[in-house]
Amino acid sequence: MEHVYQAALGYKDLKEYPGSQHNPEIIKFFADSGHEWVQDDETAWCAAFVGSVLAQCGISGTNKLNARSYLKWGQSIDINNAKPGDVTVFWRGSKDSWKGHVAFYSHHDANNVYVLGGNQGNSVSIQAYPRSRLLDVRTMDTPRTSVAQSKTVQASVAQVAAAAGAGVTAVSALDSTAQLVVLVGAVVVTVTALVVLKERVLKWQSGVR
């Protein structure tokens, strides 16, 4: 996630405009994260910033403006395993409320977590938040880099092999008429499994993994 952190760092010190003017770069954060309808820099934008930076790095965020939505993004990790660019979620108001804050992990010490985030003092900045307010640290799910790593594709390959193997085993124990019936059945099952395999490979290639 280091590349994500570097992308976020490029916005450091970006600020809201005072008065009735609105910073177009902040408005773009909303558009990048799927909320083109927001046309001001006064709407809470910490989640928009995270979503925008992730999108710029080719990573899907939650497409939501609720900071706590990132509690369901990626996978949870212990803070001692966190690296710059991982996503941190804090409670705001109270631990049981819906309010929160989301930002990118920078580093931490015994008392605080230092994060790079938007809408921190009306700007993109690095600030310290008490560890007692930390709800979770999330990191991106490890992507499968080849189709062979897809569990659904692996399952389909196994189905094809099983169907073919079952046909061969059954044929060897039957007379010619029964062999023909079994062979036809095995071919149907194998072809069906191959069709499913093809569909799963196509889904993997389109990003459904």
Protein backbone atom coordinates (compact mmCIF):
# COMPACT_ATOMS: atom_id res chain seq x y z
CA MET A 1 0.00 0.00 0.00
CA GLU A 2 3.05 2.26 -0.11
CA HIS A 3 2.03 3.56 -3.56
CA VAL A 4 -1.35 4.53 -2.10
CA TYR A 5 0.34 6.47 0.68
CA GLN A 6 2.56 8.30 -1.81
CA ALA A 7 -0.46 9.22 -3.92
CA ALA A 8 -2.23 10.58 -0.84
CA LEU A 9 0.88 12.45 0.24
CA GLY A 10 0.78 14.38 -3.02
CA TYR A 11 -2.31 16.20 -1.69
CA LYS A 12 -0.79 17.19 1.64
CA ASP A 13 -1.67 20.77 2.66
CA LEU A 14 -4.59 20.95 0.22
CA LYS A 15 -7.17 23.13 1.97
CA GLU A 16 -10.82 24.07 1.82
CA TYR A 17 -11.52 27.52 0.40
CA PRO A 18 -12.90 30.05 2.89
CA GLY A 19 -16.29 31.65 2.42
CA SER A 20 -18.58 30.78 -0.46
CA GLN A 21 -15.81 29.47 -2.72
CA HIS A 22 -15.10 25.72 -2.92
CA ASN A 23 -11.86 23.99 -3.76
CA PRO A 24 -12.39 22.14 -7.07
CA GLU A 25 -9.85 19.45 -6.13
CA ILE A 26 -11.91 18.52 -3.07
CA ILE A 27 -15.06 18.48 -5.18
CA LYS A 28 -13.23 16.09 -7.51
CA PHE A 29 -12.63 13.74 -4.57
CA PHE A 30 -16.40 13.36 -4.30
CA ALA A 31 -16.73 12.69 -8.03
CA ASP A 32 -13.92 10.13 -8.00
CA SER A 33 -15.62 8.25 -5.17
CA GLY A 34 -19.01 8.18 -6.90
CA HIS A 35 -20.70 11.29 -5.49
CA GLU A 36 -20.72 13.85 -8.29
CA TRP A 37 -23.76 15.49 -6.71
CA VAL A 38 -21.60 17.04 -3.97
CA GLN A 39 -20.45 20.42 -5.22
CA ASP A 40 -18.94 21.97 -2.10
CA ASP A 41 -15.95 21.46 0.17
CA GLU A 42 -17.96 21.79 3.38
CA THR A 43 -19.56 18.33 3.27
CA ALA A 44 -17.45 15.94 5.36
CA TRP A 45 -14.90 14.63 2.88
CA CYS A 46 -12.55 12.22 4.70
CA ALA A 47 -14.14 9.16 3.05
CA ALA A 48 -14.27 10.94 -0.31
CA PHE A 49 -10.53 11.58 -0.05
CA VAL A 50 -9.78 7.93 0.75
CA GLY A 51 -12.06 6.71 -2.03
CA SER A 52 -10.54 9.09 -4.55
CA VAL A 53 -6.93 8.16 -3.76
CA LEU A 54 -7.76 4.45 -3.89
CA ALA A 55 -9.50 4.93 -7.25
CA GLN A 56 -6.48 6.78 -8.62
CA CYS A 57 -4.39 3.75 -7.66
CA GLY A 58 -6.75 1.36 -9.39
CA ILE A 59 -8.30 0.09 -6.14
CA SER A 60 -12.01 0.07 -5.39
CA GLY A 61 -13.11 1.82 -2.21
CA THR A 62 -16.56 1.52 -0.67
CA ASN A 63 -18.08 4.30 -2.81
CA LYS A 64 -19.67 5.66 0.36
CA LEU A 65 -19.20 8.88 2.31
CA ASN A 66 -19.69 7.14 5.63
CA ALA A 67 -16.24 6.70 7.19
CA ARG A 68 -17.29 3.54 9.00
CA SER A 69 -18.15 1.88 5.70
CA TYR A 70 -14.42 1.11 5.50
CA LEU A 71 -14.81 -1.27 8.43
CA LYS A 72 -16.06 -3.73 5.78
CA TRP A 73 -13.39 -2.93 3.20
CA GLY A 74 -10.38 -5.19 2.62
CA GLN A 75 -9.25 -7.25 5.57
CA SER A 76 -8.56 -6.41 9.19
CA ILE A 77 -4.97 -6.41 10.45
CA ASP A 78 -3.27 -5.74 13.76
CA ILE A 79 -1.92 -2.23 14.02
CA ASN A 80 1.56 -3.62 14.64
CA ASN A 81 1.44 -5.09 11.13
CA ALA A 82 0.16 -1.89 9.52
CA LYS A 83 2.09 -0.19 6.76
CA PRO A 84 1.78 3.34 5.34
CA GLY A 85 -1.25 3.47 3.08
CA ASP A 86 -3.36 0.99 5.03
CA VAL A 87 -6.77 2.34 5.99
CA THR A 88 -7.58 3.34 9.57
CA VAL A 89 -11.07 3.92 10.94
CA PHE A 90 -11.79 5.84 14.15
CA TRP A 91 -14.96 6.47 16.07
CA ARG A 92 -16.24 10.00 16.44
CA GLY A 93 -18.77 11.26 18.97
CA SER A 94 -19.06 7.87 20.65
CA LYS A 95 -17.89 4.35 19.87
CA ASP A 96 -21.46 3.19 19.30
CA SER A 97 -22.54 6.04 17.02
CA TRP A 98 -22.54 5.96 13.22
CA LYS A 99 -19.99 8.77 13.05
CA GLY A 100 -16.37 8.13 12.26
CA HIS A 101 -13.20 9.24 10.56
CA VAL A 102 -11.20 7.36 7.93
CA ALA A 103 -7.64 8.06 6.80
CA PHE A 104 -4.42 6.40 5.69
CA TYR A 105 -2.07 4.95 8.28
CA SER A 106 1.32 6.69 8.63
CA HIS A 107 2.80 5.38 11.89
CA HIS A 108 1.93 4.97 15.56
CA ASP A 109 3.37 5.09 19.05
CA ALA A 110 2.14 3.90 22.43
CA ASN A 111 -0.61 6.51 22.65
CA ASN A 112 -1.45 7.75 19.17
CA VAL A 113 -2.00 6.69 15.59
CA TYR A 114 -0.68 9.16 13.04
CA VAL A 115 -2.72 9.26 9.86
CA LEU A 116 -2.67 11.06 6.53
CA GLY A 117 -6.21 12.08 5.73
CA GLY A 118 -8.60 14.60 4.30
CA ASN A 119 -10.87 16.93 6.26
CA GLN A 120 -8.34 17.04 9.09
CA GLY A 121 -8.32 20.67 10.16
CA ASN A 122 -10.14 21.47 6.87
CA SER A 123 -7.16 20.17 4.90
CA VAL A 124 -5.16 17.12 3.90
CA SER A 125 -2.71 16.64 6.73
CA ILE A 126 -0.98 14.20 9.03
CA GLN A 127 -2.56 14.22 12.46
CA ALA A 128 -2.43 12.13 15.62
CA TYR A 129 -5.54 10.35 16.87
CA PRO A 130 -5.72 8.53 20.23
CA ARG A 131 -5.31 4.77 19.91
CA SER A 132 -8.35 4.47 22.18
CA ARG A 133 -10.47 5.82 19.31
CA LEU A 134 -9.17 3.35 16.73
CA LEU A 135 -11.84 0.94 15.52
CA ASP A 136 -9.78 -1.00 12.99
CA VAL A 137 -6.91 -1.03 10.55
CA ARG A 138 -7.78 -2.41 7.12
CA THR A 139 -5.56 -3.48 4.27
CA MET A 140 -6.37 -4.39 0.71
CA ASP A 141 -7.26 -8.01 0.06
CA THR A 142 -4.32 -9.71 -1.63
CA PRO A 143 -5.25 -9.93 -5.32
CA ARG A 144 -4.84 -13.18 -7.21
CA THR A 145 -2.37 -12.46 -9.96
CA SER A 146 -3.24 -15.39 -12.22
CA VAL A 147 -6.37 -17.26 -13.22
CA ALA A 148 -4.91 -20.45 -11.74
CA GLN A 149 -5.15 -18.87 -8.26
CA SER A 150 -8.92 -18.40 -8.50
CA LYS A 151 -10.66 -20.84 -6.16
CA THR A 152 -13.76 -20.95 -8.38
CA VAL A 153 -11.67 -21.74 -11.43
CA GLN A 154 -9.78 -24.39 -9.47
CA ALA A 155 -13.10 -25.95 -8.49
CA SER A 156 -14.25 -26.05 -12.12
CA VAL A 157 -11.02 -27.72 -13.25
CA ALA A 158 -11.57 -30.35 -10.57
CA GLN A 159 -15.13 -30.89 -11.80
CA VAL A 160 -13.94 -31.44 -15.37
CA ALA A 161 -11.30 -33.92 -14.24
CA ALA A 162 -13.75 -35.76 -11.99
CA ALA A 163 -16.35 -36.04 -14.75
CA ALA A 164 -13.85 -37.39 -17.25
CA GLY A 165 -12.34 -39.77 -14.69
CA ALA A 166 -15.73 -41.11 -13.65
CA GLY A 167 -16.57 -41.88 -17.28
CA VAL A 168 -13.35 -43.81 -17.84
CA THR A 169 -13.74 -45.82 -14.62
CA ALA A 170 -17.35 -46.75 -15.34
CA VAL A 171 -16.71 -47.75 -18.97
CA SER A 172 -14.05 -50.28 -18.07
CA ALA A 173 -16.51 -52.30 -16.00
CA LEU A 174 -19.47 -52.44 -18.45
CA ASP A 175 -20.50 -54.20 -21.65
CA SER A 176 -20.58 -52.34 -24.98
CA THR A 177 -24.20 -51.13 -24.76
CA ALA A 178 -23.85 -49.86 -21.22
CA GLN A 179 -20.51 -48.32 -22.11
CA LEU A 180 -22.17 -46.20 -24.79
CA VAL A 181 -24.82 -44.95 -22.36
CA VAL A 182 -22.22 -44.09 -19.73
CA LEU A 183 -19.97 -42.41 -22.28
CA VAL A 184 -22.80 -40.17 -23.48
CA GLY A 185 -23.61 -39.23 -19.90
CA ALA A 186 -19.96 -38.55 -19.08
CA VAL A 187 -19.58 -36.37 -22.17
CA VAL A 188 -22.64 -34.31 -21.18
CA VAL A 189 -21.31 -33.81 -17.65
CA THR A 190 -17.84 -32.96 -18.92
CA VAL A 191 -19.11 -30.47 -21.49
CA THR A 192 -21.29 -28.80 -18.85
CA ALA A 193 -18.30 -28.53 -16.51
CA LEU A 194 -16.21 -27.05 -19.33
CA VAL A 195 -18.90 -24.41 -20.01
CA VAL A 196 -18.93 -23.48 -16.31
CA LEU A 197 -15.13 -23.32 -16.34
CA LYS A 198 -15.17 -20.97 -19.33
CA GLU A 199 -17.71 -18.68 -17.62
CA ARG A 200 -15.62 -18.55 -14.44
CA VAL A 201 -12.46 -17.72 -16.38
CA LEU A 202 -14.30 -14.89 -18.17
CA LYS A 203 -15.58 -13.57 -14.84
CA TRP A 204 -12.06 -13.70 -13.39
CA GLN A 205 -10.74 -11.74 -16.35
CA SER A 206 -13.44 -9.10 -15.82
CA GLY A 207 -12.44 -8.69 -12.19
CA VAL A 208 -14.95 -10.97 -10.43
CA ARG A 209 -12.58 -13.18 -8.36
